[in-house]
Each structure stands twice: as C-alpha cells, then as structure tokens.
Amino acid sequence: SRTLRVTRAAAPILPARPTRILPGSV
C-alpha cells in the first residue's frame, strides 16, 4: 500500500463587512 497526501489551499472567505475585493482576484 502507498499513502499519498494531497494538500489543497482553500480559497479565503471574506467577511460580509467591511465589503471588499480579494486582492489579485480581478
């Protein structure tokens, strides 16, 4: 058997207030 660990960075979740745009997402 072989175990493979995959790590994936989850997209950040921005709070509703203050309203903002995630830098680099445009």
mmCIF file of all heavy atoms, coordinates in Angstrom:
data_MODEL
# 
_entry.id   MODEL 
# 
loop_
_atom_site.group_PDB 
_atom_site.id 
_atom_site.type_symbol 
_atom_site.label_atom_id 
_atom_site.label_alt_id 
_atom_site.label_comp_id 
_atom_site.label_asym_id 
_atom_site.label_entity_id 
_atom_site.label_seq_id 
_atom_site.pdbx_PDB_ins_code 
_atom_site.Cartn_x 
_atom_site.Cartn_y 
_atom_site.Cartn_z 
_atom_site.occupancy 
_atom_site.B_iso_or_equiv 
_atom_site.pdbx_formal_charge 
_atom_site.auth_seq_id 
_atom_site.auth_comp_id 
_atom_site.auth_asym_id 
_atom_site.auth_atom_id 
_atom_site.pdbx_PDB_model_num 
ATOM 1   N N   . SER A 1 1  ? 0.855   -1.185 0.000   1.00 0.00 ? 1  SER A N   1 
ATOM 2   C CA  . SER A 1 1  ? 0.000   0.000  0.000   1.00 0.00 ? 1  SER A CA  1 
ATOM 3   C C   . SER A 1 1  ? 0.885   1.227  0.000   1.00 0.00 ? 1  SER A C   1 
ATOM 4   O O   . SER A 1 1  ? 2.042   1.189  0.414   1.00 0.00 ? 1  SER A O   1 
ATOM 5   C CB  . SER A 1 1  ? -0.934  0.010  1.209   1.00 0.00 ? 1  SER A CB  1 
ATOM 6   O OG  . SER A 1 1  ? -0.185  0.183  2.386   1.00 0.00 ? 1  SER A OG  1 
ATOM 7   N N   . ARG A 1 2  ? 0.320   2.286  -0.500  1.00 0.00 ? 2  ARG A N   1 
ATOM 8   C CA  . ARG A 1 2  ? 1.033   3.548  -0.555  1.00 0.00 ? 2  ARG A CA  1 
ATOM 9   C C   . ARG A 1 2  ? 0.057   4.636  -0.136  1.00 0.00 ? 2  ARG A C   1 
ATOM 10  O O   . ARG A 1 2  ? -1.107  4.619  -0.539  1.00 0.00 ? 2  ARG A O   1 
ATOM 11  C CB  . ARG A 1 2  ? 1.526   3.806  -1.966  1.00 0.00 ? 2  ARG A CB  1 
ATOM 12  C CG  . ARG A 1 2  ? 2.252   5.122  -2.100  1.00 0.00 ? 2  ARG A CG  1 
ATOM 13  C CD  . ARG A 1 2  ? 2.663   5.388  -3.500  1.00 0.00 ? 2  ARG A CD  1 
ATOM 14  N NE  . ARG A 1 2  ? 3.899   4.681  -3.762  1.00 0.00 ? 2  ARG A NE  1 
ATOM 15  C CZ  . ARG A 1 2  ? 4.544   4.719  -4.901  1.00 0.00 ? 2  ARG A CZ  1 
ATOM 16  N NH1 . ARG A 1 2  ? 4.050   5.403  -5.907  1.00 0.00 ? 2  ARG A NH1 1 
ATOM 17  N NH2 . ARG A 1 2  ? 5.672   4.070  -5.065  1.00 0.00 ? 2  ARG A NH2 1 
ATOM 18  N N   . THR A 1 3  ? 0.514   5.556  0.668   1.00 0.00 ? 3  THR A N   1 
ATOM 19  C CA  . THR A 1 3  ? -0.323  6.670  1.099   1.00 0.00 ? 3  THR A CA  1 
ATOM 20  C C   . THR A 1 3  ? 0.184   7.932  0.427   1.00 0.00 ? 3  THR A C   1 
ATOM 21  O O   . THR A 1 3  ? 1.378   8.204  0.437   1.00 0.00 ? 3  THR A O   1 
ATOM 22  C CB  . THR A 1 3  ? -0.253  6.852  2.634   1.00 0.00 ? 3  THR A CB  1 
ATOM 23  O OG1 . THR A 1 3  ? -0.689  5.641  3.243   1.00 0.00 ? 3  THR A OG1 1 
ATOM 24  C CG2 . THR A 1 3  ? -1.138  8.002  3.081   1.00 0.00 ? 3  THR A CG2 1 
ATOM 25  N N   . LEU A 1 4  ? -0.724  8.658  -0.164  1.00 0.00 ? 4  LEU A N   1 
ATOM 26  C CA  . LEU A 1 4  ? -0.398  9.910  -0.833  1.00 0.00 ? 4  LEU A CA  1 
ATOM 27  C C   . LEU A 1 4  ? -1.189  11.017 -0.157  1.00 0.00 ? 4  LEU A C   1 
ATOM 28  O O   . LEU A 1 4  ? -2.408  10.949 -0.054  1.00 0.00 ? 4  LEU A O   1 
ATOM 29  C CB  . LEU A 1 4  ? -0.771  9.833  -2.319  1.00 0.00 ? 4  LEU A CB  1 
ATOM 30  C CG  . LEU A 1 4  ? -0.566  11.085 -3.138  1.00 0.00 ? 4  LEU A CG  1 
ATOM 31  C CD1 . LEU A 1 4  ? 0.915   11.435 -3.220  1.00 0.00 ? 4  LEU A CD1 1 
ATOM 32  C CD2 . LEU A 1 4  ? -1.134  10.875 -4.527  1.00 0.00 ? 4  LEU A CD2 1 
ATOM 33  N N   . ARG A 1 5  ? -0.500  12.029 0.333   1.00 0.00 ? 5  ARG A N   1 
ATOM 34  C CA  . ARG A 1 5  ? -1.175  13.162 0.977   1.00 0.00 ? 5  ARG A CA  1 
ATOM 35  C C   . ARG A 1 5  ? -1.257  14.305 -0.023  1.00 0.00 ? 5  ARG A C   1 
ATOM 36  O O   . ARG A 1 5  ? -0.254  14.708 -0.594  1.00 0.00 ? 5  ARG A O   1 
ATOM 37  C CB  . ARG A 1 5  ? -0.399  13.627 2.202   1.00 0.00 ? 5  ARG A CB  1 
ATOM 38  C CG  . ARG A 1 5  ? -1.085  14.809 2.890   1.00 0.00 ? 5  ARG A CG  1 
ATOM 39  C CD  . ARG A 1 5  ? -0.219  15.397 3.961   1.00 0.00 ? 5  ARG A CD  1 
ATOM 40  N NE  . ARG A 1 5  ? -0.037  14.407 5.016   1.00 0.00 ? 5  ARG A NE  1 
ATOM 41  C CZ  . ARG A 1 5  ? -0.160  14.681 6.297   1.00 0.00 ? 5  ARG A CZ  1 
ATOM 42  N NH1 . ARG A 1 5  ? -0.431  15.903 6.679   1.00 0.00 ? 5  ARG A NH1 1 
ATOM 43  N NH2 . ARG A 1 5  ? 0.009   13.749 7.186   1.00 0.00 ? 5  ARG A NH2 1 
ATOM 44  N N   . VAL A 1 6  ? -2.459  14.797 -0.243  1.00 0.00 ? 6  VAL A N   1 
ATOM 45  C CA  . VAL A 1 6  ? -2.691  15.913 -1.147  1.00 0.00 ? 6  VAL A CA  1 
ATOM 46  C C   . VAL A 1 6  ? -3.157  17.096 -0.315  1.00 0.00 ? 6  VAL A C   1 
ATOM 47  O O   . VAL A 1 6  ? -4.123  16.993 0.441   1.00 0.00 ? 6  VAL A O   1 
ATOM 48  C CB  . VAL A 1 6  ? -3.761  15.565 -2.206  1.00 0.00 ? 6  VAL A CB  1 
ATOM 49  C CG1 . VAL A 1 6  ? -4.040  16.764 -3.099  1.00 0.00 ? 6  VAL A CG1 1 
ATOM 50  C CG2 . VAL A 1 6  ? -3.327  14.360 -3.014  1.00 0.00 ? 6  VAL A CG2 1 
ATOM 51  N N   . THR A 1 7  ? -2.465  18.195 -0.437  1.00 0.00 ? 7  THR A N   1 
ATOM 52  C CA  . THR A 1 7  ? -2.836  19.403 0.295   1.00 0.00 ? 7  THR A CA  1 
ATOM 53  C C   . THR A 1 7  ? -3.296  20.440 -0.720  1.00 0.00 ? 7  THR A C   1 
ATOM 54  O O   . THR A 1 7  ? -2.583  20.724 -1.674  1.00 0.00 ? 7  THR A O   1 
ATOM 55  C CB  . THR A 1 7  ? -1.638  19.949 1.095   1.00 0.00 ? 7  THR A CB  1 
ATOM 56  O OG1 . THR A 1 7  ? -1.157  18.914 1.948   1.00 0.00 ? 7  THR A OG1 1 
ATOM 57  C CG2 . THR A 1 7  ? -2.034  21.156 1.911   1.00 0.00 ? 7  THR A CG2 1 
ATOM 58  N N   . ARG A 1 8  ? -4.475  20.969 -0.502  1.00 0.00 ? 8  ARG A N   1 
ATOM 59  C CA  . ARG A 1 8  ? -5.034  21.965 -1.403  1.00 0.00 ? 8  ARG A CA  1 
ATOM 60  C C   . ARG A 1 8  ? -5.367  23.202 -0.587  1.00 0.00 ? 8  ARG A C   1 
ATOM 61  O O   . ARG A 1 8  ? -6.022  23.117 0.451   1.00 0.00 ? 8  ARG A O   1 
ATOM 62  C CB  . ARG A 1 8  ? -6.308  21.411 -2.040  1.00 0.00 ? 8  ARG A CB  1 
ATOM 63  C CG  . ARG A 1 8  ? -6.983  22.365 -2.985  1.00 0.00 ? 8  ARG A CG  1 
ATOM 64  C CD  . ARG A 1 8  ? -8.170  21.683 -3.631  1.00 0.00 ? 8  ARG A CD  1 
ATOM 65  N NE  . ARG A 1 8  ? -9.222  21.420 -2.679  1.00 0.00 ? 8  ARG A NE  1 
ATOM 66  C CZ  . ARG A 1 8  ? -10.368 22.112 -2.624  1.00 0.00 ? 8  ARG A CZ  1 
ATOM 67  N NH1 . ARG A 1 8  ? -10.599 23.085 -3.452  1.00 0.00 ? 8  ARG A NH1 1 
ATOM 68  N NH2 . ARG A 1 8  ? -11.273 21.805 -1.732  1.00 0.00 ? 8  ARG A NH2 1 
ATOM 69  N N   . ALA A 1 9  ? -4.914  24.337 -1.062  1.00 0.00 ? 9  ALA A N   1 
ATOM 70  C CA  . ALA A 1 9  ? -5.217  25.586 -0.366  1.00 0.00 ? 9  ALA A CA  1 
ATOM 71  C C   . ALA A 1 9  ? -6.656  25.990 -0.678  1.00 0.00 ? 9  ALA A C   1 
ATOM 72  O O   . ALA A 1 9  ? -7.031  26.106 -1.836  1.00 0.00 ? 9  ALA A O   1 
ATOM 73  C CB  . ALA A 1 9  ? -4.255  26.682 -0.805  1.00 0.00 ? 9  ALA A CB  1 
ATOM 74  N N   . ALA A 1 10 ? -7.448  26.175 0.336   1.00 0.00 ? 10 ALA A N   1 
ATOM 75  C CA  . ALA A 1 10 ? -8.831  26.614 0.158   1.00 0.00 ? 10 ALA A CA  1 
ATOM 76  C C   . ALA A 1 10 ? -8.851  28.109 -0.113  1.00 0.00 ? 10 ALA A C   1 
ATOM 77  O O   . ALA A 1 10 ? -8.047  28.859 0.442   1.00 0.00 ? 10 ALA A O   1 
ATOM 78  C CB  . ALA A 1 10 ? -9.643  26.295 1.403   1.00 0.00 ? 10 ALA A CB  1 
ATOM 79  N N   . ALA A 1 11 ? -9.764  28.526 -0.981  1.00 0.00 ? 11 ALA A N   1 
ATOM 80  C CA  . ALA A 1 11 ? -9.911  29.951 -1.259  1.00 0.00 ? 11 ALA A CA  1 
ATOM 81  C C   . ALA A 1 11 ? -10.367 30.653 0.017   1.00 0.00 ? 11 ALA A C   1 
ATOM 82  O O   . ALA A 1 11 ? -11.228 30.143 0.731   1.00 0.00 ? 11 ALA A O   1 
ATOM 83  C CB  . ALA A 1 11 ? -10.937 30.161 -2.365  1.00 0.00 ? 11 ALA A CB  1 
ATOM 84  N N   . PRO A 1 12 ? -9.783  31.805 0.306   1.00 0.00 ? 12 PRO A N   1 
ATOM 85  C CA  . PRO A 1 12 ? -10.189 32.514 1.521   1.00 0.00 ? 12 PRO A CA  1 
ATOM 86  C C   . PRO A 1 12 ? -11.630 33.006 1.422   1.00 0.00 ? 12 PRO A C   1 
ATOM 87  O O   . PRO A 1 12 ? -12.114 33.302 0.337   1.00 0.00 ? 12 PRO A O   1 
ATOM 88  C CB  . PRO A 1 12 ? -9.217  33.690 1.597   1.00 0.00 ? 12 PRO A CB  1 
ATOM 89  C CG  . PRO A 1 12 ? -8.662  33.834 0.233   1.00 0.00 ? 12 PRO A CG  1 
ATOM 90  C CD  . PRO A 1 12 ? -8.756  32.505 -0.436  1.00 0.00 ? 12 PRO A CD  1 
ATOM 91  N N   . ILE A 1 13 ? -12.289 33.053 2.536   1.00 0.00 ? 13 ILE A N   1 
ATOM 92  C CA  . ILE A 1 13 ? -13.660 33.561 2.603   1.00 0.00 ? 13 ILE A CA  1 
ATOM 93  C C   . ILE A 1 13 ? -13.602 34.938 3.254   1.00 0.00 ? 13 ILE A C   1 
ATOM 94  O O   . ILE A 1 13 ? -13.075 35.088 4.354   1.00 0.00 ? 13 ILE A O   1 
ATOM 95  C CB  . ILE A 1 13 ? -14.564 32.618 3.414   1.00 0.00 ? 13 ILE A CB  1 
ATOM 96  C CG1 . ILE A 1 13 ? -14.606 31.247 2.755   1.00 0.00 ? 13 ILE A CG1 1 
ATOM 97  C CG2 . ILE A 1 13 ? -15.958 33.193 3.527   1.00 0.00 ? 13 ILE A CG2 1 
ATOM 98  C CD1 . ILE A 1 13 ? -15.334 30.206 3.577   1.00 0.00 ? 13 ILE A CD1 1 
ATOM 99  N N   . LEU A 1 14 ? -14.125 35.924 2.539   1.00 0.00 ? 14 LEU A N   1 
ATOM 100 C CA  . LEU A 1 14 ? -14.112 37.285 3.063   1.00 0.00 ? 14 LEU A CA  1 
ATOM 101 C C   . LEU A 1 14 ? -15.366 37.538 3.889   1.00 0.00 ? 14 LEU A C   1 
ATOM 102 O O   . LEU A 1 14 ? -16.454 37.095 3.527   1.00 0.00 ? 14 LEU A O   1 
ATOM 103 C CB  . LEU A 1 14 ? -14.055 38.291 1.911   1.00 0.00 ? 14 LEU A CB  1 
ATOM 104 C CG  . LEU A 1 14 ? -12.821 38.210 1.016   1.00 0.00 ? 14 LEU A CG  1 
ATOM 105 C CD1 . LEU A 1 14 ? -12.958 39.179 -0.150  1.00 0.00 ? 14 LEU A CD1 1 
ATOM 106 C CD2 . LEU A 1 14 ? -11.577 38.511 1.806   1.00 0.00 ? 14 LEU A CD2 1 
ATOM 107 N N   . PRO A 1 15 ? -15.248 38.254 4.984   1.00 0.00 ? 15 PRO A N   1 
ATOM 108 C CA  . PRO A 1 15 ? -16.435 38.588 5.778   1.00 0.00 ? 15 PRO A CA  1 
ATOM 109 C C   . PRO A 1 15 ? -17.333 39.561 5.014   1.00 0.00 ? 15 PRO A C   1 
ATOM 110 O O   . PRO A 1 15 ? -16.870 40.274 4.121   1.00 0.00 ? 15 PRO A O   1 
ATOM 111 C CB  . PRO A 1 15 ? -15.850 39.235 7.033   1.00 0.00 ? 15 PRO A CB  1 
ATOM 112 C CG  . PRO A 1 15 ? -14.516 39.740 6.613   1.00 0.00 ? 15 PRO A CG  1 
ATOM 113 C CD  . PRO A 1 15 ? -14.029 38.811 5.546   1.00 0.00 ? 15 PRO A CD  1 
ATOM 114 N N   . ALA A 1 16 ? -18.612 39.587 5.355   1.00 0.00 ? 16 ALA A N   1 
ATOM 115 C CA  . ALA A 1 16 ? -19.565 40.471 4.684   1.00 0.00 ? 16 ALA A CA  1 
ATOM 116 C C   . ALA A 1 16 ? -19.266 41.943 4.965   1.00 0.00 ? 16 ALA A C   1 
ATOM 117 O O   . ALA A 1 16 ? -19.478 42.795 4.110   1.00 0.00 ? 16 ALA A O   1 
ATOM 118 C CB  . ALA A 1 16 ? -20.987 40.135 5.119   1.00 0.00 ? 16 ALA A CB  1 
ATOM 119 N N   . ARG A 1 17 ? -18.763 42.235 6.127   1.00 0.00 ? 17 ARG A N   1 
ATOM 120 C CA  . ARG A 1 17 ? -18.426 43.627 6.482   1.00 0.00 ? 17 ARG A CA  1 
ATOM 121 C C   . ARG A 1 17 ? -17.008 43.684 7.004   1.00 0.00 ? 17 ARG A C   1 
ATOM 122 O O   . ARG A 1 17 ? -16.634 42.825 7.791   1.00 0.00 ? 17 ARG A O   1 
ATOM 123 C CB  . ARG A 1 17 ? -19.376 44.154 7.572   1.00 0.00 ? 17 ARG A CB  1 
ATOM 124 C CG  . ARG A 1 17 ? -20.793 44.185 7.129   1.00 0.00 ? 17 ARG A CG  1 
ATOM 125 C CD  . ARG A 1 17 ? -21.092 45.466 6.385   1.00 0.00 ? 17 ARG A CD  1 
ATOM 126 N NE  . ARG A 1 17 ? -22.500 45.491 6.056   1.00 0.00 ? 17 ARG A NE  1 
ATOM 127 C CZ  . ARG A 1 17 ? -22.952 45.788 4.854   1.00 0.00 ? 17 ARG A CZ  1 
ATOM 128 N NH1 . ARG A 1 17 ? -22.141 46.098 3.891   1.00 0.00 ? 17 ARG A NH1 1 
ATOM 129 N NH2 . ARG A 1 17 ? -24.232 45.782 4.617   1.00 0.00 ? 17 ARG A NH2 1 
ATOM 130 N N   . PRO A 1 18 ? -16.203 44.606 6.588   1.00 0.00 ? 18 PRO A N   1 
ATOM 131 C CA  . PRO A 1 18 ? -16.455 45.590 5.543   1.00 0.00 ? 18 PRO A CA  1 
ATOM 132 C C   . PRO A 1 18 ? -16.417 44.920 4.167   1.00 0.00 ? 18 PRO A C   1 
ATOM 133 O O   . PRO A 1 18 ? -15.714 43.934 3.966   1.00 0.00 ? 18 PRO A O   1 
ATOM 134 C CB  . PRO A 1 18 ? -15.301 46.576 5.693   1.00 0.00 ? 18 PRO A CB  1 
ATOM 135 C CG  . PRO A 1 18 ? -14.177 45.761 6.241   1.00 0.00 ? 18 PRO A CG  1 
ATOM 136 C CD  . PRO A 1 18 ? -14.839 44.720 7.119   1.00 0.00 ? 18 PRO A CD  1 
ATOM 137 N N   . THR A 1 19 ? -17.197 45.470 3.239   1.00 0.00 ? 19 THR A N   1 
ATOM 138 C CA  . THR A 1 19 ? -17.229 44.940 1.881   1.00 0.00 ? 19 THR A CA  1 
ATOM 139 C C   . THR A 1 19 ? -15.873 45.178 1.234   1.00 0.00 ? 19 THR A C   1 
ATOM 140 O O   . THR A 1 19 ? -15.333 46.280 1.292   1.00 0.00 ? 19 THR A O   1 
ATOM 141 C CB  . THR A 1 19 ? -18.331 45.642 1.063   1.00 0.00 ? 19 THR A CB  1 
ATOM 142 O OG1 . THR A 1 19 ? -19.571 45.437 1.724   1.00 0.00 ? 19 THR A OG1 1 
ATOM 143 C CG2 . THR A 1 19 ? -18.397 45.101 -0.344  1.00 0.00 ? 19 THR A CG2 1 
ATOM 144 N N   . ARG A 1 20 ? -15.319 44.119 0.633   1.00 0.00 ? 20 ARG A N   1 
ATOM 145 C CA  . ARG A 1 20 ? -14.028 44.292 -0.036  1.00 0.00 ? 20 ARG A CA  1 
ATOM 146 C C   . ARG A 1 20 ? -13.834 43.248 -1.123  1.00 0.00 ? 20 ARG A C   1 
ATOM 147 O O   . ARG A 1 20 ? -14.584 42.291 -1.225  1.00 0.00 ? 20 ARG A O   1 
ATOM 148 C CB  . ARG A 1 20 ? -12.880 44.258 0.956   1.00 0.00 ? 20 ARG A CB  1 
ATOM 149 C CG  . ARG A 1 20 ? -12.748 42.996 1.731   1.00 0.00 ? 20 ARG A CG  1 
ATOM 150 C CD  . ARG A 1 20 ? -11.735 43.164 2.863   1.00 0.00 ? 20 ARG A CD  1 
ATOM 151 N NE  . ARG A 1 20 ? -11.578 41.897 3.548   1.00 0.00 ? 20 ARG A NE  1 
ATOM 152 C CZ  . ARG A 1 20 ? -10.464 41.180 3.553   1.00 0.00 ? 20 ARG A CZ  1 
ATOM 153 N NH1 . ARG A 1 20 ? -9.405  41.628 2.926   1.00 0.00 ? 20 ARG A NH1 1 
ATOM 154 N NH2 . ARG A 1 20 ? -10.393 40.056 4.201   1.00 0.00 ? 20 ARG A NH2 1 
ATOM 155 N N   . ILE A 1 21 ? -12.803 43.458 -1.927  1.00 0.00 ? 21 ILE A N   1 
ATOM 156 C CA  . ILE A 1 21 ? -12.433 42.559 -3.016  1.00 0.00 ? 21 ILE A CA  1 
ATOM 157 C C   . ILE A 1 21 ? -11.138 41.865 -2.635  1.00 0.00 ? 21 ILE A C   1 
ATOM 158 O O   . ILE A 1 21 ? -10.211 42.497 -2.117  1.00 0.00 ? 21 ILE A O   1 
ATOM 159 C CB  . ILE A 1 21 ? -12.247 43.349 -4.328  1.00 0.00 ? 21 ILE A CB  1 
ATOM 160 C CG1 . ILE A 1 21 ? -13.590 43.914 -4.777  1.00 0.00 ? 21 ILE A CG1 1 
ATOM 161 C CG2 . ILE A 1 21 ? -11.624 42.481 -5.416  1.00 0.00 ? 21 ILE A CG2 1 
ATOM 162 C CD1 . ILE A 1 21 ? -13.486 44.851 -5.969  1.00 0.00 ? 21 ILE A CD1 1 
ATOM 163 N N   . LEU A 1 22 ? -11.062 40.561 -2.860  1.00 0.00 ? 22 LEU A N   1 
ATOM 164 C CA  . LEU A 1 22 ? -9.857  39.807 -2.580  1.00 0.00 ? 22 LEU A CA  1 
ATOM 165 C C   . LEU A 1 22 ? -8.759  40.264 -3.536  1.00 0.00 ? 22 LEU A C   1 
ATOM 166 O O   . LEU A 1 22 ? -8.927  40.198 -4.756  1.00 0.00 ? 22 LEU A O   1 
ATOM 167 C CB  . LEU A 1 22 ? -10.116 38.312 -2.756  1.00 0.00 ? 22 LEU A CB  1 
ATOM 168 C CG  . LEU A 1 22 ? -8.957  37.389 -2.422  1.00 0.00 ? 22 LEU A CG  1 
ATOM 169 C CD1 . LEU A 1 22 ? -8.642  37.444 -0.933  1.00 0.00 ? 22 LEU A CD1 1 
ATOM 170 C CD2 . LEU A 1 22 ? -9.278  35.968 -2.835  1.00 0.00 ? 22 LEU A CD2 1 
ATOM 171 N N   . PRO A 1 23 ? -7.638  40.766 -3.009  1.00 0.00 ? 23 PRO A N   1 
ATOM 172 C CA  . PRO A 1 23 ? -6.550  41.230 -3.884  1.00 0.00 ? 23 PRO A CA  1 
ATOM 173 C C   . PRO A 1 23 ? -6.100  40.128 -4.843  1.00 0.00 ? 23 PRO A C   1 
ATOM 174 O O   . PRO A 1 23 ? -5.978  38.969 -4.475  1.00 0.00 ? 23 PRO A O   1 
ATOM 175 C CB  . PRO A 1 23 ? -5.431  41.582 -2.906  1.00 0.00 ? 23 PRO A CB  1 
ATOM 176 C CG  . PRO A 1 23 ? -6.131  41.856 -1.611  1.00 0.00 ? 23 PRO A CG  1 
ATOM 177 C CD  . PRO A 1 23 ? -7.315  40.922 -1.600  1.00 0.00 ? 23 PRO A CD  1 
ATOM 178 N N   . GLY A 1 24 ? -5.896  40.502 -6.085  1.00 0.00 ? 24 GLY A N   1 
ATOM 179 C CA  . GLY A 1 24 ? -5.447  39.557 -7.100  1.00 0.00 ? 24 GLY A CA  1 
ATOM 180 C C   . GLY A 1 24 ? -6.550  38.717 -7.716  1.00 0.00 ? 24 GLY A C   1 
ATOM 181 O O   . GLY A 1 24 ? -6.280  37.899 -8.594  1.00 0.00 ? 24 GLY A O   1 
ATOM 182 N N   . SER A 1 25 ? -7.810  38.917 -7.298  1.00 0.00 ? 25 SER A N   1 
ATOM 183 C CA  . SER A 1 25 ? -8.896  38.068 -7.811  1.00 0.00 ? 25 SER A CA  1 
ATOM 184 C C   . SER A 1 25 ? -9.597  38.656 -9.036  1.00 0.00 ? 25 SER A C   1 
ATOM 185 O O   . SER A 1 25 ? -10.403 37.982 -9.662  1.00 0.00 ? 25 SER A O   1 
ATOM 186 C CB  . SER A 1 25 ? -9.933  37.808 -6.712  1.00 0.00 ? 25 SER A CB  1 
ATOM 187 O OG  . SER A 1 25 ? -10.684 38.974 -6.445  1.00 0.00 ? 25 SER A OG  1 
ATOM 188 N N   . VAL A 1 26 ? -9.301  39.894 -9.400  1.00 0.00 ? 26 VAL A N   1 
ATOM 189 C CA  . VAL A 1 26 ? -9.977  40.542 -10.526 1.00 0.00 ? 26 VAL A CA  1 
ATOM 190 C C   . VAL A 1 26 ? -9.349  40.077 -11.841 1.00 0.00 ? 26 VAL A C   1 
ATOM 191 O O   . VAL A 1 26 ? -8.136  40.128 -12.005 1.00 0.00 ? 26 VAL A O   1 
ATOM 192 C CB  . VAL A 1 26 ? -9.892  42.073 -10.419 1.00 0.00 ? 26 VAL A CB  1 
ATOM 193 C CG1 . VAL A 1 26 ? -10.543 42.752 -11.608 1.00 0.00 ? 26 VAL A CG1 1 
ATOM 194 C CG2 . VAL A 1 26 ? -10.529 42.564 -9.125  1.00 0.00 ? 26 VAL A CG2 1 
# 
